[in-house]
Protein backbone atom coordinates (compact mmCIF):
# COMPACT_ATOMS: atom_id res chain seq x y z
CA MET A 1 64.78 97.81 94.82
CA ARG A 2 68.00 97.87 96.54
CA ASP A 3 66.39 98.08 100.04
CA VAL A 4 64.19 95.12 99.53
CA LEU A 5 67.01 92.98 97.82
CA PRO A 6 68.07 91.26 101.05
CA VAL A 7 64.78 89.78 101.76
CA LEU A 8 63.88 88.88 98.28
CA LEU A 9 67.49 87.11 98.10
CA GLU A 10 66.70 85.22 101.52
CA ARG A 11 63.26 84.19 100.21
CA TRP A 12 64.57 82.88 96.89
CA ARG A 13 67.30 80.95 98.50
CA ASN A 14 64.57 79.31 100.80
CA GLY A 15 63.08 78.18 97.62
CA GLU A 16 59.78 80.51 98.14
CA THR A 17 57.96 82.56 95.50
CA VAL A 18 57.78 86.32 96.37
CA GLY A 19 55.40 88.71 94.73
CA LEU A 20 58.00 91.71 93.45
CA THR A 21 55.90 94.93 92.56
CA THR A 22 58.19 97.68 90.98
CA VAL A 23 57.50 101.19 89.86
CA VAL A 24 58.43 101.39 86.32
CA ALA A 25 57.19 104.54 85.04
CA THR A 26 55.67 107.80 86.56
CA PHE A 27 54.02 110.43 85.27
CA GLY A 28 53.03 114.00 86.99
CA SER A 29 53.55 114.30 90.86
CA ALA A 30 53.88 110.70 91.82
CA PRO A 31 55.28 109.60 95.08
CA ARG A 32 58.04 107.14 94.35
CA ARG A 33 60.56 106.95 91.50
CA PRO A 34 61.13 104.24 88.99
CA GLY A 35 62.70 101.38 90.62
CA ALA A 36 60.90 101.68 94.07
CA ALA A 37 59.83 98.13 95.15
CA MET A 38 57.44 96.20 97.30
CA LEU A 39 57.59 92.61 98.33
CA ARG A 40 54.55 90.28 99.22
CA LEU A 41 56.08 87.46 100.87
CA THR A 42 54.56 83.87 101.43
CA ASP A 43 53.53 84.50 104.98
CA GLU A 44 51.60 87.49 103.62
CA THR A 45 53.76 90.20 105.24
CA VAL A 46 55.01 93.27 103.22
CA VAL A 47 58.42 94.79 102.84
CA GLY A 48 59.14 98.22 100.99
CA SER A 49 56.56 100.58 99.24
CA VAL A 50 55.72 101.90 95.99
CA SER A 51 53.52 104.79 96.65
CA GLY A 52 53.81 105.71 100.02
CA GLY A 53 50.47 104.55 100.96
CA CYS A 54 48.60 105.36 98.31
CA VAL A 55 47.89 102.08 96.38
CA GLU A 56 49.73 99.58 98.61
CA GLY A 57 46.38 97.86 99.23
CA ALA A 58 45.39 97.27 96.00
CA VAL A 59 48.90 96.34 94.90
CA TYR A 60 49.20 93.74 97.76
CA GLU A 61 46.02 92.16 96.57
CA LEU A 62 47.44 92.20 92.94
CA ALA A 63 50.89 90.60 94.13
CA GLY A 64 48.81 87.82 95.71
CA ASP A 65 46.96 87.10 92.61
CA VAL A 66 50.34 87.01 90.77
CA MET A 67 52.03 84.66 92.91
CA SER A 68 49.10 82.17 92.73
CA SER A 69 48.68 82.60 88.96
CA GLY A 70 52.57 82.69 88.12
CA VAL A 71 51.60 85.34 85.29
CA ALA A 72 53.22 88.77 85.44
CA THR A 73 51.44 91.97 84.77
CA THR A 74 51.64 95.46 84.41
CA GLU A 75 49.18 98.09 86.31
CA ARG A 76 48.39 101.70 85.89
CA TYR A 77 47.25 103.82 89.20
CA GLY A 78 46.16 107.27 88.44
CA ILE A 79 44.00 109.95 90.55
CA ALA A 80 41.82 108.90 93.01
CA ASP A 81 38.03 110.01 92.64
CA ASP A 82 35.78 111.64 95.14
CA ASP A 83 34.93 107.96 96.55
CA ALA A 84 37.13 107.33 99.76
CA PHE A 85 37.50 103.95 99.02
CA ALA A 86 38.63 104.53 95.34
CA VAL A 87 42.28 103.20 94.41
CA GLY A 88 44.58 106.08 93.45
CA LEU A 89 47.18 108.72 94.09
CA THR A 90 45.72 111.51 95.85
CA CYS A 91 49.02 113.59 94.75
CA GLY A 92 47.26 113.80 91.58
CA GLY A 93 50.00 111.67 89.49
CA THR A 94 50.02 108.17 87.93
CA LEU A 95 52.56 105.17 88.12
CA ASP A 96 52.75 102.03 86.28
CA VAL A 97 53.69 99.19 88.37
CA PHE A 98 55.20 95.71 87.33
CA VAL A 99 54.04 92.76 89.50
CA GLU A 100 55.85 89.41 88.99
CA PRO A 101 56.34 86.24 90.72
CA VAL A 102 59.90 85.92 91.57
CA SER A 103 61.53 82.37 92.33
CA ALA A 104 64.71 80.59 91.65
CA GLN A 105 62.92 79.30 88.50
CA THR A 106 61.45 82.58 87.44
CA TRP A 107 64.67 84.37 88.06
CA PRO A 108 67.63 81.73 88.30
CA HIS A 109 70.13 84.84 88.03
CA LEU A 110 69.15 86.77 90.76
CA ASP A 111 72.17 86.06 92.77
CA ARG A 112 74.34 87.70 90.02
CA LEU A 113 72.53 91.13 90.91
CA ALA A 114 72.90 90.57 94.60
CA ASP A 115 76.63 89.65 94.26
CA ALA A 116 76.97 93.09 92.04
CA LEU A 117 75.72 95.25 94.69
CA GLU A 118 77.60 93.43 97.62
CA GLU A 119 80.79 94.37 95.87
CA ARG A 120 79.57 97.91 94.90
CA ARG A 121 79.93 96.93 91.10
CA PRO A 122 77.57 98.96 88.54
CA VAL A 123 74.99 96.62 87.36
CA ALA A 124 71.58 96.99 85.61
CA VAL A 125 68.58 94.90 85.34
CA ALA A 126 66.47 94.74 82.17
CA THR A 127 62.86 93.21 82.61
CA VAL A 128 60.40 92.72 79.93
CA THR A 129 57.35 94.04 81.33
CA LEU A 130 55.00 93.91 78.24
CA SER A 131 55.39 91.95 75.04
CA ALA A 132 53.51 91.31 71.70
CA ASP A 133 56.49 89.01 70.40
CA PRO A 134 55.80 85.09 71.59
CA ALA A 135 59.44 84.51 71.79
CA THR A 136 59.87 87.27 74.33
CA ALA A 137 58.30 86.16 77.45
CA VAL A 138 57.01 88.90 80.09
CA GLY A 139 59.19 88.63 83.11
CA GLY A 140 62.49 87.86 81.44
CA HIS A 141 65.34 89.30 83.01
CA LEU A 142 68.70 90.55 81.73
CA VAL A 143 71.30 91.16 84.45
CA VAL A 144 73.99 93.55 82.95
CA GLY A 145 77.16 94.79 84.02
CA PRO A 146 80.00 97.04 82.43
CA ASP A 147 81.80 93.60 80.97
CA GLU A 148 79.19 90.85 81.48
CA VAL A 149 75.68 89.72 80.98
CA SER A 150 73.28 86.74 82.40
CA GLY A 151 70.20 85.77 81.88
CA SER A 152 68.05 86.18 78.60
CA LEU A 153 65.05 87.87 77.06
CA GLY A 154 64.34 85.31 74.87
CA ASP A 155 65.98 86.41 71.95
CA ALA A 156 69.85 86.84 71.40
CA GLU A 157 69.38 90.10 68.99
CA LEU A 158 67.20 91.55 71.71
CA ASP A 159 69.74 90.74 74.33
CA ARG A 160 72.36 92.42 72.61
CA VAL A 161 70.60 95.82 71.85
CA VAL A 162 69.18 95.85 75.39
CA ALA A 163 72.27 95.18 77.05
CA GLN A 164 73.89 98.13 74.84
CA ASP A 165 71.17 100.30 76.19
CA ALA A 166 71.16 99.28 79.57
CA ARG A 167 74.99 100.08 79.86
CA GLY A 168 74.13 103.39 78.58
CA LEU A 169 71.34 104.18 81.24
CA LEU A 170 73.88 102.68 83.67
CA ASP A 171 76.72 105.11 83.02
CA LEU A 172 74.12 107.93 83.89
CA GLY A 173 72.92 106.13 87.06
CA GLU A 174 69.62 106.06 85.31
CA SER A 175 66.43 103.91 85.31
CA SER A 176 64.11 104.02 82.61
CA THR A 177 61.46 102.25 80.13
CA LEU A 178 62.59 101.36 76.84
CA ARG A 179 60.55 99.86 73.75
CA TYR A 180 61.33 98.01 70.77
CA GLY A 181 59.98 96.59 67.60
CA ALA A 182 60.28 93.52 65.70
CA ARG A 183 64.01 92.19 65.10
CA ALA A 184 65.13 94.30 68.47
CA ARG A 185 64.35 97.77 66.29
CA ARG A 186 64.54 100.53 68.82
CA MET A 187 61.55 102.83 69.33
CA GLY A 188 59.31 99.88 68.49
CA GLU A 189 55.95 99.24 70.40
CA ASP A 190 56.19 95.19 70.42
CA ILE A 191 58.12 94.93 73.43
CA THR A 192 58.53 96.91 76.57
CA VAL A 193 61.52 96.66 78.85
CA PHE A 194 62.38 98.46 82.14
CA VAL A 195 65.86 99.00 82.99
CA ASN A 196 66.58 99.46 86.53
CA SER A 197 70.17 101.00 87.06
CA PHE A 198 71.77 100.37 90.31
CA ALA A 199 75.18 102.41 90.02
CA PRO A 200 77.41 102.52 93.22
CA PRO A 201 76.28 104.81 95.96
CA PRO A 202 77.38 108.54 95.36
CA ARG A 203 80.45 109.50 97.37
CA LEU A 204 80.65 112.21 99.89
CA ILE A 205 84.31 113.34 100.75
CA VAL A 206 84.49 115.63 103.55
CA PHE A 207 87.81 117.23 104.30
CA GLY A 208 88.61 118.31 107.97
CA ALA A 209 88.19 116.34 111.22
CA VAL A 210 86.10 118.50 113.03
CA ASP A 211 82.51 118.47 114.65
CA TYR A 212 80.83 119.75 111.53
CA SER A 213 82.44 116.75 109.56
CA ALA A 214 81.12 114.56 112.15
CA ALA A 215 77.38 115.83 111.58
CA VAL A 216 77.66 115.81 107.63
CA ALA A 217 79.16 112.13 107.77
CA GLU A 218 76.17 111.14 109.56
CA VAL A 219 73.63 113.02 107.65
CA GLY A 220 75.14 111.98 104.31
CA SER A 221 75.15 108.26 105.43
CA ALA A 222 71.52 108.45 106.10
CA LEU A 223 71.03 109.63 102.61
CA GLY A 224 72.80 106.60 101.13
CA TYR A 225 76.19 108.31 100.40
CA HIS A 226 79.30 106.69 100.66
CA VAL A 227 81.30 108.93 103.25
CA THR A 228 84.87 109.70 103.41
CA VAL A 229 86.34 111.70 106.05
CA CYS A 230 90.05 112.69 105.21
CA ASP A 231 92.51 115.12 107.41
CA ALA A 232 96.19 114.95 107.56
CA ARG A 233 96.15 114.87 111.43
CA GLY A 234 95.90 111.50 112.50
CA VAL A 235 95.19 112.34 116.18
CA PHE A 236 91.86 113.85 115.11
CA ALA A 237 91.12 111.28 112.02
CA THR A 238 89.92 108.36 113.73
CA ARG A 239 87.14 105.90 113.47
CA HIS A 240 85.86 106.72 117.08
CA ARG A 241 85.35 110.75 116.11
CA PHE A 242 83.65 109.52 112.95
CA PRO A 243 81.37 106.58 113.30
CA ALA A 244 78.92 107.29 110.47
CA ALA A 245 81.79 107.47 108.02
CA ASP A 246 82.36 104.74 105.84
CA GLU A 247 86.11 105.67 105.52
CA VAL A 248 88.46 107.62 107.74
CA VAL A 249 91.45 108.66 105.66
CA VAL A 250 94.85 110.00 107.46
CA ASP A 251 96.34 112.00 104.36
CA TRP A 252 96.64 115.54 103.08
CA PRO A 253 93.44 116.41 101.46
CA HIS A 254 94.78 117.57 98.00
CA ARG A 255 97.05 114.34 97.80
CA TYR A 256 93.92 111.93 98.72
CA LEU A 257 91.45 113.81 96.12
CA SER A 258 94.07 113.91 93.23
CA ALA A 259 94.78 110.42 93.76
CA GLU A 260 91.15 109.22 93.96
CA THR A 261 90.50 111.40 90.83
CA ALA A 262 93.43 109.86 88.71
CA ALA A 263 91.95 106.40 90.01
CA GLY A 264 88.57 107.26 88.49
CA ARG A 265 86.99 107.06 91.75
CA VAL A 266 85.41 110.71 91.59
CA ASP A 267 82.42 110.93 89.23
CA SER A 268 79.92 113.82 88.31
CA ARG A 269 77.65 112.49 91.55
CA THR A 270 80.18 112.96 93.88
CA ALA A 271 80.07 115.89 96.39
CA ILE A 272 83.36 117.62 98.21
CA CYS A 273 82.91 119.44 101.40
CA VAL A 274 85.90 121.47 102.67
CA LEU A 275 85.66 122.06 106.27
CA THR A 276 88.81 122.82 107.19
CA HIS A 277 88.95 126.58 106.82
CA ASP A 278 92.62 126.45 107.08
CA PRO A 279 94.71 127.79 104.14
CA LYS A 280 97.40 125.34 104.14
CA PHE A 281 94.78 122.55 103.85
CA ASP A 282 91.62 124.12 101.86
CA VAL A 283 93.46 126.01 99.29
CA PRO A 284 95.19 123.18 97.69
CA ALA A 285 92.11 120.93 98.47
CA LEU A 286 90.08 123.12 96.60
CA GLN A 287 92.85 123.37 93.70
CA ALA A 288 92.35 119.74 93.43
CA ALA A 289 88.71 119.63 93.71
CA PHE A 290 88.75 121.88 90.48
CA GLU A 291 90.39 119.09 88.38
CA THR A 292 87.62 116.72 89.16
CA PRO A 293 84.82 116.15 86.43
CA GLU A 294 82.17 118.53 85.70
CA GLY A 295 79.04 118.17 87.93
CA VAL A 296 80.87 117.42 91.25
CA TYR A 297 79.60 119.64 94.09
CA ILE A 298 82.48 121.68 95.68
CA GLY A 299 81.70 123.44 98.77
CA ALA A 300 83.84 125.12 101.39
CA MET A 301 83.02 126.47 105.00
CA GLY A 302 84.10 129.54 106.36
CA SER A 303 82.63 133.21 107.33
CA ARG A 304 82.44 135.99 104.43
CA ARG A 305 85.65 137.18 105.58
CA THR A 306 87.24 133.50 105.25
CA HIS A 307 85.65 133.24 101.86
CA ASP A 308 87.03 136.57 100.66
CA ASP A 309 90.46 135.60 101.80
CA ARG A 310 90.12 131.93 100.26
CA ILE A 311 89.05 133.36 96.64
CA ARG A 312 92.38 135.74 96.86
CA ARG A 313 94.47 132.94 97.57
CA LEU A 314 93.12 130.76 94.98
CA ARG A 315 93.30 133.50 92.45
CA GLU A 316 96.89 134.07 93.44
CA ALA A 317 97.41 130.51 92.80
CA GLY A 318 96.31 130.74 89.38
CA VAL A 319 92.82 129.50 89.52
CA THR A 320 90.47 130.63 86.70
CA GLU A 321 87.08 132.33 87.16
CA SER A 322 85.26 129.32 85.56
CA ASP A 323 86.74 127.09 88.02
CA LEU A 324 85.58 129.45 91.10
CA ALA A 325 82.30 129.53 89.73
CA ARG A 326 81.72 125.77 90.62
CA LEU A 327 82.63 126.60 94.21
CA HIS A 328 79.53 126.93 96.76
CA SER A 329 81.04 129.17 99.39
CA PRO A 330 79.98 129.84 102.05
CA ILE A 331 78.69 126.39 101.89
CA GLY A 332 75.05 125.42 102.68
CA LEU A 333 71.59 126.97 102.38
CA ASP A 334 70.10 129.78 104.51
CA LEU A 335 68.33 127.81 107.00
CA GLY A 336 69.47 129.57 110.43
CA ALA A 337 71.43 126.71 111.31
CA ALA A 338 72.95 127.20 114.68
CA THR A 339 74.40 123.73 115.80
CA PRO A 340 76.83 121.30 113.76
CA ALA A 341 73.77 118.90 113.31
CA GLU A 342 71.65 121.89 111.78
CA THR A 343 74.69 123.03 109.94
CA ALA A 344 74.97 119.50 108.21
CA VAL A 345 71.14 119.57 107.28
CA SER A 346 72.03 123.03 105.71
CA ILE A 347 75.02 121.59 103.72
CA VAL A 348 73.49 118.42 102.32
CA ALA A 349 70.49 120.22 101.46
CA GLU A 350 72.68 122.28 99.10
CA ILE A 351 74.14 119.11 97.87
CA ILE A 352 70.81 117.76 97.24
CA ALA A 353 69.52 120.82 95.35
CA ALA A 354 72.60 120.97 93.28
CA ARG A 355 72.20 117.35 92.37
CA ARG A 356 68.38 117.54 91.51
CA GLY A 357 68.32 121.05 90.18
CA GLY A 358 66.07 122.46 93.10
CA SER A 359 65.74 125.95 93.96
CA GLY A 360 66.13 125.89 97.65
CA ALA A 361 62.77 127.84 97.99
CA ASN A 362 60.17 126.99 100.21
CA LEU A 363 57.55 124.75 98.68
CA THR A 364 54.77 126.96 99.55
CA ARG A 365 56.37 129.55 97.12
CA LEU A 366 56.30 127.00 94.27
CA ALA A 367 53.31 126.80 92.02
CA ASP A 368 52.03 123.30 90.34
CA HIS A 369 53.95 120.22 91.04
CA ILE A 370 56.58 119.83 93.75
CA HIS A 371 58.69 116.77 92.21
CA PRO A 372 61.91 117.53 90.61
CA ASP A 373 61.09 116.02 87.34
CA ILE A 374 58.40 118.84 86.56
CA ILE A 375 59.09 122.27 85.97
CA ARG A 376 58.61 124.55 88.74
CA ARG A 377 57.34 128.14 88.48
CA PRO A 378 57.69 130.34 91.48
CA VAL A 379 54.30 131.71 92.88
CA SER A 380 53.85 135.51 91.85
CA SER A 381 54.03 138.01 94.86
CA PRO A 382 50.75 139.58 95.36
C-alpha cells in the first residue's frame, strides 16, 4: 500500500471516493504478498497491482461496484481453469483481496497514516475485513503506532486487543490476518482483521567511498533500502559521488556504526557492507558490526587472500568464532560479476537471500513452488 498512498491521499483530500483493493492473505504460489494494493480512481484509471495482471480486470470491476454501493467486500481468487477467459491465478496459488471504498467519511484518519510514513515512524493499520458482530463494521480502521492509536473498529475492548497484537506484528515488520471471537477473544471466528505493518525501510550501511559502493547504493536504493555510505575520507565521501545514497557520512566506520547501534538505529533488517578492504578501516568496522543485533547481514569485500588476512587480524583482535560465522566474506553470490554494477547485483542478491532464506540456487534446480514462504526442495540430479 505504501506505493499507492500518495495518490490515495491526494484523492482523499480532494473529497473523492477511491476503490482500494488490498491483498490480505495468500496461499501457495501467489504473485504478490499481503499488503499489496491497487486503486481504482473516479476517472476510471488504475494505480498499483494486486496480482501482476492475473486478476486485475476482475478486481477493477469489483472495485467499481464497491465504489458505487459503498459496501466493502472480500473476494478469493484461485487457480484459473482451462477457459482462456477464466479469472484466476495461472501461477497456481490463491489470494484473498479486500475491496473497500475510501473517502474522508469512511477513513477520517488516513492522514495519520500518511504523516507517520512521511516521518519514517513505524505504524500499522488494522482493518476489519469480515464480521459477524453487528457492533463491528466491515471496513473499520485502527491506525496503531508504538505509543498512539487513532480510529476505532467499533468496540473499545476489540480496539485494545487489536492494538496490542498490531504492535507485536509491527515489531516484527510483518503483516497478517487475525481472527477474534466474542468479547475480543483471540483465535475466534466472528471477526477477521487484517493488520498491515509499515515499518521504516530497512537500512543498508555501506563502508568505503569506492566505485563498488556507488553501485551498491544504487541497487539498494532501487529495492527500497535506506542507504548510508560512510567513509572517514571527506574528499571521497561526497554527495556528488553517491547520488543514490540517502546519507553520505564522513566519519570512521567503526565509530559511526557503534553510535548508530547504541542509538537503536540498527536492527535485524539492517545490512552492513564493508567495501573498504583496508585493515585500518575494515577490521574495526567489522568488530563494531559483530556488536549489532542477531540477524544483521554483515559482508566484507576482498579476495581470498584478503579474506584470510582479515580473519587472522580479527582473531588476533579477540573476535570469537561465533562472531566470524556471521560474516559473509568474500561478499556476494557467484554470478561471474566483472563490473561494479554486476558486483553490486551479486552483493544485494546475497543480502536478499540471507534476509528471505533463499538458497541462491537457480530456480530451474528447485522443485515445486518458487516463492519464499514455501519449503523448496532441490531437484535430484539424474
